[in-house]
Protein backbone atom coordinates (compact mmCIF):
# COMPACT_ATOMS: atom_id res chain seq x y z
CA MET A 1 -22.20 0.63 1.63
CA LYS A 2 -19.09 -1.52 1.42
CA ASP A 3 -16.18 -0.20 -0.59
CA ASP A 4 -15.65 -3.32 -2.70
CA ALA A 5 -16.07 -5.03 -6.07
CA THR A 6 -19.67 -6.03 -5.36
CA ALA A 7 -20.56 -2.40 -4.72
CA LEU A 8 -18.78 -1.31 -7.91
CA ALA A 9 -20.64 -3.94 -9.93
CA GLY A 10 -23.89 -2.75 -8.40
CA ALA A 11 -23.18 0.83 -9.43
CA ILE A 12 -22.43 -0.28 -13.00
CA ARG A 13 -25.50 -2.55 -13.11
CA ASP A 14 -27.71 0.31 -11.88
CA GLY A 15 -26.33 2.76 -14.40
CA ARG A 16 -24.65 5.08 -11.91
CA LEU A 17 -21.51 4.71 -13.99
CA THR A 18 -20.48 2.74 -17.04
CA ALA A 19 -17.88 0.01 -17.35
CA GLY A 20 -15.92 2.47 -19.46
CA GLU A 21 -15.95 5.04 -16.68
CA ALA A 22 -14.93 2.43 -14.12
CA MET A 23 -12.07 1.31 -16.34
CA ALA A 24 -10.93 4.89 -16.96
CA ALA A 25 -10.84 5.44 -13.21
CA SER A 26 -8.75 2.29 -12.70
CA LEU A 27 -6.31 3.29 -15.45
CA ALA A 28 -5.97 6.76 -13.93
CA ALA A 29 -5.42 5.28 -10.47
CA ALA A 30 -2.80 2.89 -11.84
CA ALA A 31 -0.92 5.81 -13.41
CA SER A 32 -1.16 8.01 -10.32
CA ARG A 33 0.05 5.23 -8.00
CA ALA A 34 3.03 4.08 -10.02
CA ASP A 35 5.04 4.57 -6.83
CA LEU A 36 3.54 1.32 -5.52
CA GLY A 37 5.10 -0.82 -8.25
CA ALA A 38 1.93 -2.90 -8.09
CA LEU A 39 1.48 -3.27 -11.85
CA CYS A 40 4.17 -4.68 -14.12
CA HIS A 41 2.14 -4.52 -17.32
CA VAL A 42 -0.85 -2.43 -18.43
CA ASP A 43 -2.65 -2.61 -21.78
CA ASP A 44 -4.74 0.53 -22.17
CA GLY A 45 -6.15 -0.58 -25.49
CA LEU A 46 -7.24 -3.95 -24.14
CA ALA A 47 -8.76 -2.21 -21.13
CA ARG A 48 -10.91 0.09 -23.21
CA ARG A 49 -11.96 -2.59 -25.69
CA GLN A 50 -13.19 -4.83 -22.88
CA ALA A 51 -15.04 -1.98 -21.17
CA ASP A 52 -16.68 -0.97 -24.46
CA ALA A 53 -17.79 -4.57 -25.02
CA ALA A 54 -19.23 -4.72 -21.50
CA ASP A 55 -21.17 -1.50 -22.00
CA ALA A 56 -22.42 -2.78 -25.35
CA GLU A 57 -23.70 -5.96 -23.68
CA ARG A 58 -25.49 -3.87 -21.06
CA ARG A 59 -27.33 -2.05 -23.85
CA THR A 60 -28.14 -5.09 -25.99
CA ASP A 61 -28.58 -7.90 -23.43
CA ALA A 62 -29.21 -6.24 -20.09
CA ASP A 63 -30.34 -9.42 -18.36
CA ARG A 64 -27.21 -11.35 -19.29
CA PHE A 65 -25.03 -8.43 -18.25
CA ALA A 66 -26.80 -7.99 -14.92
CA ALA A 67 -26.51 -11.70 -14.13
CA ARG A 68 -22.74 -11.46 -14.00
CA PRO A 69 -21.78 -10.94 -10.34
CA PHE A 70 -18.93 -8.56 -11.23
CA CYS A 71 -20.42 -7.00 -14.36
CA GLY A 72 -18.00 -4.48 -15.86
CA VAL A 73 -15.57 -4.50 -12.91
CA PRO A 74 -11.91 -3.85 -13.84
CA THR A 75 -9.42 -6.34 -12.48
CA LEU A 76 -5.81 -7.43 -12.80
CA ALA A 77 -4.18 -10.81 -13.36
CA LYS A 78 -1.09 -11.91 -11.50
CA ASP A 79 2.21 -12.29 -13.37
CA LEU A 80 2.11 -15.96 -12.41
CA GLY A 81 -0.58 -18.56 -12.97
CA GLY A 82 -3.49 -18.16 -15.32
CA PRO A 83 -2.79 -17.33 -18.09
CA PHE A 84 -5.19 -14.63 -19.27
CA ALA A 85 -5.25 -14.20 -23.06
CA GLY A 86 -3.52 -11.03 -24.22
CA LEU A 87 -1.56 -10.55 -21.00
CA PRO A 88 2.08 -11.71 -21.33
CA VAL A 89 2.88 -13.54 -18.09
CA VAL A 90 6.64 -13.88 -17.46
CA ALA A 91 6.61 -14.93 -13.78
CA GLY A 92 8.76 -11.95 -12.78
CA SER A 93 11.72 -13.34 -14.69
CA ARG A 94 14.07 -12.11 -17.38
CA LEU A 95 14.05 -15.68 -18.71
CA PHE A 96 10.96 -14.74 -20.70
CA SER A 97 9.84 -11.83 -22.86
CA ARG A 98 6.84 -9.60 -22.34
CA LEU A 99 6.64 -8.65 -26.01
CA ARG A 100 3.82 -10.99 -26.96
CA SER A 101 1.56 -13.69 -25.60
CA ASP A 102 -0.19 -16.31 -27.69
CA ALA A 103 -1.47 -18.29 -24.71
CA PRO A 104 -5.26 -18.67 -24.62
CA ASP A 105 -7.31 -18.20 -21.48
CA SER A 106 -6.93 -20.82 -18.79
CA ASP A 107 -10.18 -22.33 -17.54
CA LEU A 108 -10.01 -20.00 -14.56
CA ALA A 109 -9.41 -16.91 -16.69
CA ASN A 110 -12.40 -17.84 -18.82
CA ARG A 111 -14.54 -18.04 -15.69
CA PHE A 112 -13.24 -14.68 -14.42
CA ARG A 113 -14.45 -13.12 -17.68
CA ALA A 114 -17.79 -14.94 -17.50
CA ALA A 115 -18.27 -13.42 -14.03
CA GLY A 116 -18.00 -9.99 -15.64
CA LEU A 117 -14.45 -9.12 -14.62
CA LEU A 118 -12.31 -7.17 -17.10
CA PRO A 119 -8.56 -7.96 -16.74
CA PHE A 120 -6.41 -5.20 -18.21
CA GLY A 121 -2.95 -5.72 -16.75
CA LEU A 122 -0.58 -7.83 -14.69
CA THR A 123 0.50 -7.42 -11.08
CA THR A 124 4.05 -7.67 -9.81
CA ALA A 125 5.30 -10.97 -8.43
CA PRO A 126 8.77 -12.16 -7.35
CA GLU A 127 10.62 -14.39 -9.79
CA PHE A 128 8.63 -17.66 -10.00
CA GLY A 129 6.81 -16.70 -6.80
CA LEU A 130 9.84 -17.53 -4.67
CA ALA A 131 9.34 -15.03 -1.84
CA LEU A 132 6.81 -13.51 0.52
CA ALA A 133 7.77 -10.16 -0.99
CA SER A 134 7.38 -8.96 -4.59
CA GLU A 135 10.63 -7.42 -5.80
CA PRO A 136 11.71 -9.03 -9.10
CA ALA A 137 15.01 -7.91 -10.59
CA ILE A 138 13.19 -6.99 -13.80
CA GLY A 139 11.05 -4.64 -11.72
CA PRO A 140 9.06 -2.99 -10.50
CA ILE A 141 9.42 -3.31 -6.73
CA ALA A 142 6.00 -3.64 -5.13
CA ARG A 143 5.38 -1.53 -2.02
CA ASN A 144 2.71 -1.55 0.63
CA PRO A 145 0.23 1.32 0.16
CA LEU A 146 -0.16 1.52 3.95
CA ASP A 147 3.58 2.23 4.33
CA LEU A 148 5.79 2.51 1.24
CA ALA A 149 8.84 1.36 3.20
CA LEU A 150 7.23 -2.04 3.78
CA THR A 151 6.51 -5.00 1.51
CA PRO A 152 2.93 -5.78 0.49
CA GLY A 153 3.93 -9.43 0.78
CA GLY A 154 4.30 -12.07 -1.88
CA SER A 155 4.02 -13.64 -4.11
CA SER A 156 0.71 -11.91 -4.92
CA GLY A 157 2.13 -8.67 -3.55
CA GLY A 158 1.38 -6.51 -6.55
CA ALA A 159 -2.21 -7.74 -6.54
CA ALA A 160 -2.63 -6.93 -2.86
CA ALA A 161 -1.06 -3.48 -3.24
CA ALA A 162 -3.36 -2.68 -6.17
CA VAL A 163 -6.50 -3.78 -4.32
CA ALA A 164 -5.58 -2.10 -1.03
CA ALA A 165 -4.80 1.14 -2.89
CA GLY A 166 -8.14 0.96 -4.72
CA ILE A 167 -6.65 0.75 -8.21
CA VAL A 168 -8.97 -2.22 -8.62
CA ALA A 169 -11.44 -3.66 -6.14
CA ILE A 170 -10.47 -7.31 -6.62
CA ALA A 171 -7.54 -9.06 -8.29
CA HIS A 172 -6.46 -12.54 -9.35
CA ALA A 173 -3.96 -14.19 -7.00
CA THR A 174 -2.27 -17.56 -6.54
CA ASP A 175 -1.17 -19.47 -3.44
CA ALA A 176 1.40 -22.30 -3.32
CA GLY A 177 2.92 -21.39 0.04
CA GLY A 178 0.83 -18.55 1.45
CA SER A 179 0.96 -16.32 -1.62
CA ILE A 180 -2.68 -15.23 -1.43
CA ARG A 181 -2.91 -15.06 2.34
CA VAL A 182 0.38 -13.33 3.22
CA PRO A 183 -0.16 -10.32 0.91
CA ALA A 184 -3.77 -10.05 2.04
CA ALA A 185 -2.56 -10.02 5.64
CA CYS A 186 0.10 -7.40 4.90
CA CYS A 187 -2.37 -5.06 3.19
CA GLY A 188 -5.58 -5.52 5.19
CA LEU A 189 -7.46 -7.67 2.69
CA VAL A 190 -9.40 -10.92 2.58
CA GLY A 191 -7.49 -13.87 1.15
CA LEU A 192 -8.92 -17.37 0.72
CA LYS A 193 -6.76 -20.32 -0.35
CA PRO A 194 -9.47 -22.70 -1.59
CA SER A 195 -9.63 -26.44 -0.98
CA ARG A 196 -7.57 -28.57 -3.33
CA GLY A 197 -9.77 -29.68 -6.23
CA VAL A 198 -12.22 -26.78 -5.98
CA MET A 199 -10.57 -24.45 -8.52
CA PRO A 200 -9.91 -25.14 -12.20
CA ALA A 201 -6.20 -25.32 -12.99
CA GLY A 202 -6.21 -26.37 -16.65
CA PRO A 203 -5.94 -26.92 -19.40
CA ALA A 204 -2.13 -26.99 -19.22
CA PHE A 205 -1.72 -27.29 -15.42
CA GLY A 206 1.55 -25.40 -15.79
CA ASN A 207 1.34 -23.91 -12.30
CA HIS A 208 0.31 -27.17 -10.65
CA LEU A 209 3.37 -27.68 -8.37
CA GLY A 210 2.39 -31.15 -7.33
CA GLY A 211 -1.06 -30.02 -6.23
CA ILE A 212 -0.01 -27.39 -3.69
CA ALA A 213 -0.88 -24.39 -5.86
CA SER A 214 -4.33 -22.83 -5.92
CA GLU A 215 -5.77 -19.68 -7.49
CA LEU A 216 -8.49 -17.23 -6.57
CA CYS A 217 -8.17 -13.59 -5.51
CA VAL A 218 -7.34 -10.95 -2.97
CA SER A 219 -10.37 -8.83 -2.16
CA ARG A 220 -11.63 -6.00 0.03
CA SER A 221 -14.52 -7.96 1.57
CA VAL A 222 -15.62 -11.43 2.51
CA ARG A 223 -18.64 -11.13 0.24
CA ASP A 224 -16.38 -10.45 -2.77
CA SER A 225 -14.29 -13.57 -2.12
CA ALA A 226 -17.45 -15.62 -1.54
CA ALA A 227 -19.08 -14.38 -4.74
CA LEU A 228 -16.01 -15.08 -6.86
CA LEU A 229 -15.56 -18.53 -5.34
CA ALA A 230 -19.18 -19.32 -6.21
CA ALA A 231 -18.73 -18.01 -9.75
CA VAL A 232 -15.52 -19.79 -10.73
CA SER A 233 -15.28 -23.00 -8.68
CA GLY A 234 -16.34 -26.57 -9.44
CA LYS A 235 -16.31 -28.90 -12.47
CA THR A 236 -12.54 -28.48 -12.61
CA ARG A 237 -11.76 -31.31 -15.07
CA GLY A 238 -8.70 -32.55 -13.20
CA PRO A 239 -6.16 -33.32 -12.09
CA PHE A 240 -8.09 -33.99 -8.86
CA ALA A 241 -11.63 -35.16 -8.26
CA ASP A 242 -14.06 -32.30 -7.79
CA VAL A 243 -14.57 -31.30 -4.18
CA VAL A 244 -18.16 -30.38 -3.42
CA LEU A 245 -18.32 -27.33 -1.19
CA ALA A 246 -20.34 -28.01 1.96
CA GLU A 247 -22.89 -25.58 3.31
CA PRO A 248 -21.83 -23.81 6.53
CA LYS A 249 -23.00 -25.34 9.80
CA THR A 250 -25.66 -23.27 11.50
CA GLN A 251 -25.08 -24.57 15.01
CA PRO A 252 -22.27 -23.24 17.23
CA LEU A 253 -18.81 -24.33 16.10
CA THR A 254 -15.94 -25.80 18.06
CA ILE A 255 -12.97 -23.57 17.35
CA GLY A 256 -9.42 -24.60 18.09
CA VAL A 257 -7.43 -21.56 19.18
CA LEU A 258 -3.69 -21.42 18.54
CA CYS A 259 -2.09 -18.14 19.64
CA GLU A 260 1.58 -19.12 19.32
CA THR A 261 3.93 -20.34 16.61
CA GLY A 262 6.78 -21.78 18.66
CA SER A 263 10.14 -20.51 19.83
CA ASP A 264 11.90 -20.88 16.45
CA HIS A 265 9.50 -18.51 14.68
CA PRO A 266 7.63 -16.71 17.47
CA THR A 267 4.59 -14.54 16.89
CA THR A 268 4.68 -11.05 18.38
CA ALA A 269 2.59 -10.46 21.50
CA GLU A 270 0.27 -8.03 19.72
CA ARG A 271 -0.51 -10.51 16.97
CA SER A 272 -1.05 -13.32 19.44
CA ALA A 273 -3.40 -11.07 21.37
CA THR A 274 -5.39 -10.48 18.17
CA ILE A 275 -6.01 -14.23 17.86
CA GLU A 276 -7.20 -14.28 21.47
CA ALA A 277 -9.46 -11.27 20.84
CA ALA A 278 -10.99 -12.91 17.76
CA ALA A 279 -11.55 -16.12 19.72
CA ARG A 280 -13.31 -14.30 22.57
CA PHE A 281 -15.41 -12.38 20.05
CA LEU A 282 -16.57 -15.66 18.52
CA GLU A 283 -17.10 -17.24 21.92
CA ALA A 284 -19.43 -14.39 22.83
CA ARG A 285 -21.51 -15.38 19.79
CA GLY A 286 -22.01 -18.91 21.03
CA HIS A 287 -19.02 -20.77 19.64
CA ARG A 288 -17.00 -23.11 21.85
CA LEU A 289 -13.23 -22.63 22.20
CA VAL A 290 -10.59 -25.34 22.52
CA PRO A 291 -7.12 -24.02 23.44
CA LEU A 292 -4.30 -25.51 21.38
CA SER A 293 -0.52 -25.33 21.75
CA TRP A 294 2.27 -25.26 19.18
CA SER A 295 2.97 -28.93 19.87
CA ASP A 296 -0.44 -29.77 18.36
CA VAL A 297 0.69 -28.57 14.93
CA SER A 298 4.48 -28.23 15.00
CA THR A 299 5.29 -31.56 13.31
CA MET A 300 2.76 -30.85 10.57
CA ALA A 301 4.10 -27.32 10.07
CA LYS A 302 7.69 -28.54 9.78
CA ALA A 303 6.83 -31.32 7.32
CA SER A 304 4.77 -28.89 5.24
CA ALA A 305 7.61 -26.40 4.94
CA SER A 306 10.02 -29.21 4.04
CA LEU A 307 7.87 -30.60 1.24
CA PHE A 308 7.19 -27.08 -0.07
CA TYR A 309 10.97 -26.59 -0.20
CA ASP A 310 11.48 -29.81 -2.16
CA LEU A 311 8.61 -29.24 -4.58
CA ILE A 312 9.65 -25.75 -5.60
CA SER A 313 13.27 -26.91 -5.93
CA THR A 314 12.41 -29.83 -8.20
CA ASN A 315 9.98 -27.69 -10.19
CA LEU A 316 12.74 -25.20 -10.93
CA ALA A 317 15.16 -28.02 -11.69
CA ALA A 318 12.77 -29.27 -14.37
CA LEU A 319 12.32 -25.73 -15.70
CA SER A 320 16.09 -25.27 -15.90
CA GLU A 321 16.28 -28.22 -18.31
CA THR A 322 13.78 -26.72 -20.76
CA PRO A 323 15.40 -26.62 -24.23
CA GLY A 324 16.36 -23.09 -25.24
CA LEU A 325 15.98 -21.68 -21.73
CA ASP A 326 19.10 -20.13 -20.19
CA ILE A 327 18.76 -20.59 -16.43
CA SER A 328 21.84 -18.39 -15.92
CA LEU A 329 19.56 -15.43 -16.67
CA ALA A 330 17.56 -16.18 -13.53
CA GLU A 331 18.26 -14.45 -10.23
CA PRO A 332 20.95 -16.09 -8.06
CA VAL A 333 18.66 -17.63 -5.45
CA THR A 334 16.42 -19.00 -8.21
CA GLN A 335 19.42 -20.68 -9.78
CA ALA A 336 20.35 -22.08 -6.36
CA PHE A 337 16.88 -23.57 -5.89
CA ALA A 338 17.15 -25.20 -9.32
CA ALA A 339 20.56 -26.62 -8.43
CA ARG A 340 19.19 -27.96 -5.16
CA GLY A 341 16.36 -29.63 -7.08
CA ARG A 342 18.77 -31.29 -9.48
CA ALA A 343 20.79 -32.65 -6.53
CA LEU A 344 17.73 -33.95 -4.67
CA SER A 345 17.37 -37.71 -4.99
CA ALA A 346 14.12 -39.35 -5.99
CA ALA A 347 14.16 -41.26 -2.69
CA ASP A 348 14.48 -38.03 -0.68
CA LEU A 349 11.61 -36.44 -2.60
CA TRP A 350 9.51 -39.57 -2.06
CA ARG A 351 10.13 -39.45 1.70
CA SER A 352 9.21 -35.77 1.76
CA GLN A 353 5.99 -36.44 -0.13
CA THR A 354 5.10 -39.28 2.24
CA ALA A 355 5.51 -36.90 5.17
CA GLY A 356 3.21 -34.50 3.32
CA VAL A 357 0.52 -37.16 3.05
CA LEU A 358 0.72 -37.62 6.81
CA VAL A 359 0.24 -33.87 7.25
CA SER A 360 -3.18 -34.17 5.65
CA ARG A 361 -4.05 -37.26 7.71
CA ASN A 362 -2.96 -35.67 10.99
CA LEU A 363 -4.79 -32.44 10.25
CA TRP A 364 -7.93 -34.49 9.63
CA ARG A 365 -7.41 -36.02 13.07
CA LEU A 366 -7.22 -32.55 14.59
CA PHE A 367 -10.52 -31.73 12.89
CA ASP A 368 -12.09 -34.76 14.52
CA ARG A 369 -12.35 -32.59 17.64
CA ILE A 370 -12.69 -29.08 16.20
CA ASP A 371 -14.56 -27.50 13.28
CA VAL A 372 -12.20 -24.61 12.58
CA LEU A 373 -8.62 -23.79 13.54
CA LEU A 374 -7.96 -20.13 14.41
CA ALA A 375 -4.26 -19.22 14.29
CA PRO A 376 -1.77 -16.46 13.41
CA MET A 377 -1.23 -15.52 9.77
CA LEU A 378 1.87 -13.36 10.19
CA ALA A 379 4.29 -13.72 13.06
CA SER A 380 5.30 -10.04 12.75
CA PRO A 381 4.37 -6.87 10.87
CA PRO A 382 5.15 -6.72 7.14
CA PRO A 383 8.97 -6.53 6.75
CA PRO A 384 10.76 -3.63 5.08
CA VAL A 385 11.27 -3.68 1.33
CA GLY A 386 14.57 -5.45 0.65
CA SER A 387 14.22 -8.02 3.42
CA SER A 388 13.93 -10.95 0.98
CA PRO A 389 16.80 -10.44 -1.48
CA PHE A 390 17.49 -12.83 -4.37
CA ASP A 391 21.17 -11.89 -4.76
CA HIS A 392 22.54 -14.93 -2.91
CA ALA A 393 22.59 -18.72 -3.15
CA ASP A 394 21.55 -19.66 0.40
CA THR A 395 18.24 -21.45 -0.14
CA ASP A 396 17.99 -22.49 3.52
CA LEU A 397 18.19 -18.84 4.58
CA HIS A 398 15.63 -17.85 1.96
CA LEU A 399 13.15 -20.49 3.09
CA ASN A 400 13.70 -19.59 6.75
CA ARG A 401 12.79 -15.97 6.02
CA MET A 402 9.50 -17.15 4.54
CA VAL A 403 8.69 -19.47 7.43
CA SER A 404 9.63 -16.82 9.99
CA LEU A 405 7.07 -14.42 8.57
CA ALA A 406 4.27 -16.95 8.09
CA PRO A 407 5.02 -20.12 10.09
CA LEU A 408 1.74 -21.87 9.22
CA ALA A 409 1.30 -20.76 5.61
CA THR A 410 2.37 -23.98 3.88
CA LEU A 411 0.17 -26.16 6.11
CA ALA A 412 -2.88 -25.39 3.96
CA ASN A 413 -1.04 -25.95 0.69
CA ILE A 414 0.46 -29.31 1.62
CA SER A 415 -2.70 -30.66 3.29
CA GLY A 416 -4.97 -29.28 0.57
CA PHE A 417 -7.31 -27.80 3.19
CA PRO A 418 -8.84 -24.34 2.80
CA ALA A 419 -7.42 -21.41 4.75
CA LEU A 420 -8.51 -17.79 4.98
CA THR A 421 -7.05 -14.59 6.37
CA LEU A 422 -8.67 -11.26 7.13
CA PRO A 423 -7.80 -8.25 9.29
CA PHE A 424 -9.25 -8.00 12.80
CA GLY A 425 -8.04 -4.59 13.89
CA ALA A 426 -5.02 -2.36 13.36
CA ASP A 427 -1.82 -1.74 15.29
CA ALA A 428 -0.52 1.63 16.47
CA ASP A 429 1.04 2.25 13.05
CA GLY A 430 -2.22 1.60 11.22
CA LEU A 431 -1.09 -1.78 9.92
CA PRO A 432 -3.57 -4.66 9.87
CA LEU A 433 -3.68 -7.26 12.60
CA PRO A 434 -4.67 -10.40 10.66
CA VAL A 435 -6.06 -13.73 11.75
CA GLN A 436 -5.98 -17.02 9.86
CA MET A 437 -8.53 -19.81 9.86
CA PHE A 438 -8.32 -23.38 8.57
CA ALA A 439 -11.16 -25.85 7.97
CA PRO A 440 -11.53 -29.39 6.61
CA LEU A 441 -11.48 -30.08 2.89
CA GLY A 442 -14.57 -28.62 1.24
CA ALA A 443 -15.48 -26.35 4.16
CA ASP A 444 -14.49 -23.14 2.35
CA ARG A 445 -17.93 -21.64 2.88
CA GLN A 446 -17.67 -22.31 6.60
CA LEU A 447 -14.54 -20.16 6.69
CA LEU A 448 -16.26 -17.43 4.70
CA ALA A 449 -19.28 -17.45 7.02
CA LEU A 450 -17.11 -17.20 10.11
CA ALA A 451 -14.99 -14.50 8.48
CA ALA A 452 -18.13 -12.51 7.71
CA THR A 453 -18.98 -12.57 11.42
CA LEU A 454 -15.55 -11.16 12.29
CA GLU A 455 -15.65 -8.61 9.47
CA ALA A 456 -19.04 -7.31 10.58
CA ASP A 457 -17.53 -6.00 13.81
CA GLY A 458 -15.80 -3.31 11.72
CA ARG A 459 -12.39 -3.39 13.35
CA TRP A 460 -10.62 -2.69 10.05
CA GLN A 461 -11.29 0.12 7.57
CA HIS A 462 -9.67 0.46 4.15
CA ALA A 463 -7.41 3.47 3.82
CA PHE A 464 -8.12 4.12 0.13
CA PRO A 465 -11.42 4.11 -1.81
CA VAL A 466 -12.06 2.01 -4.89
CA ALA A 467 -11.33 3.94 -8.09
CA GLY A 468 -14.54 4.99 -9.80
CA LEU A 469 -16.95 3.85 -7.10
CA PRO A 470 -19.60 6.55 -6.56
CA SER A 471 -19.75 7.84 -3.01
């Protein structure tokens, strides 16, 4: 039996434990693993009320309860995106207060609840998601449960730490520049950044970021990510036209294999070898391989990182001009990004956006000759805690640290194409060796199907069980 959210839902559905017992186990695990800094807000009362309501539904409307794919499963929302009613999102910043939250559920949050998930707290994120680590000045500092000296990644680092540690089996996450995939890769999880237009982002679209941001989850299995995608995607009501998810191809695929990330941000030999191993594994199952070099994607990768840089800068510039908001309370590098955004000309932003459009066009051209792109997720192991400080004003340095860790992360966000990461083995220190896959717009299920093939080989095992899941 898999140690995941689907298994936990099955146990609750079958009566082997109640939603209340599952929630109590998650609350206890959250308290016992405070050393991880994964959770920045917990509402015990909300947790128990939701679990009681779920158990009441199981007694009074068993069919409706059982139809929910994650019936009674505890979960956590990220302190960025959403929002989820009752959970005071502050985006890791002292600019806001966590005392109260009047925001109603976003469309996505509403669908999470309809799927049976019970959100009872918030996970740690860096201020405004501005790092591939999760160490906001307001605290707590998120740590990797596989090695407390290392980051769990960012910006969904708290979510990944909580899921990898088994506090919850699945957690809400967002991705504007790798923020689902990098933490998943750091912690040995599955992370899918869905196609642009597949996920609801309303009604306020406050975390839109020019279309580069997407939301879903970090999970412990491919089947969990697939089930949640099926439950919450589609009929998004803007700002983009709905993308219809295609069924996976049944015939052998043509897989482009990229094992390197260039001399400026090189991938370690062990991680490159993992891409090669995954490619050979898939080849042995009938798929055709097409070797690729860094030159095939380097221009797209550079343009993607540049537009990401400009979009987050201008977003923070706009935020800094919000009446009543004191940007001087933000962390130094956040203030520097806002200042950079205010200094950026409209013409420069326009040129950057035009280059971003060409990224999508050129990636489509690459997919004229391949079905899936297999490439590195992380260029190196997860860095130590403290490697992405906010106590400076050098935005170029800050961006370079992000690109150095995940050189291809922003390619999926700028193009709008889906991308997925999952572990395919472990290194000598027990840390995951992740791979990343890209596919054309709408081919999210193709990525999930291929990921399931890799996952089935069993090269990665979770270090911690899911709280409350019967053995």
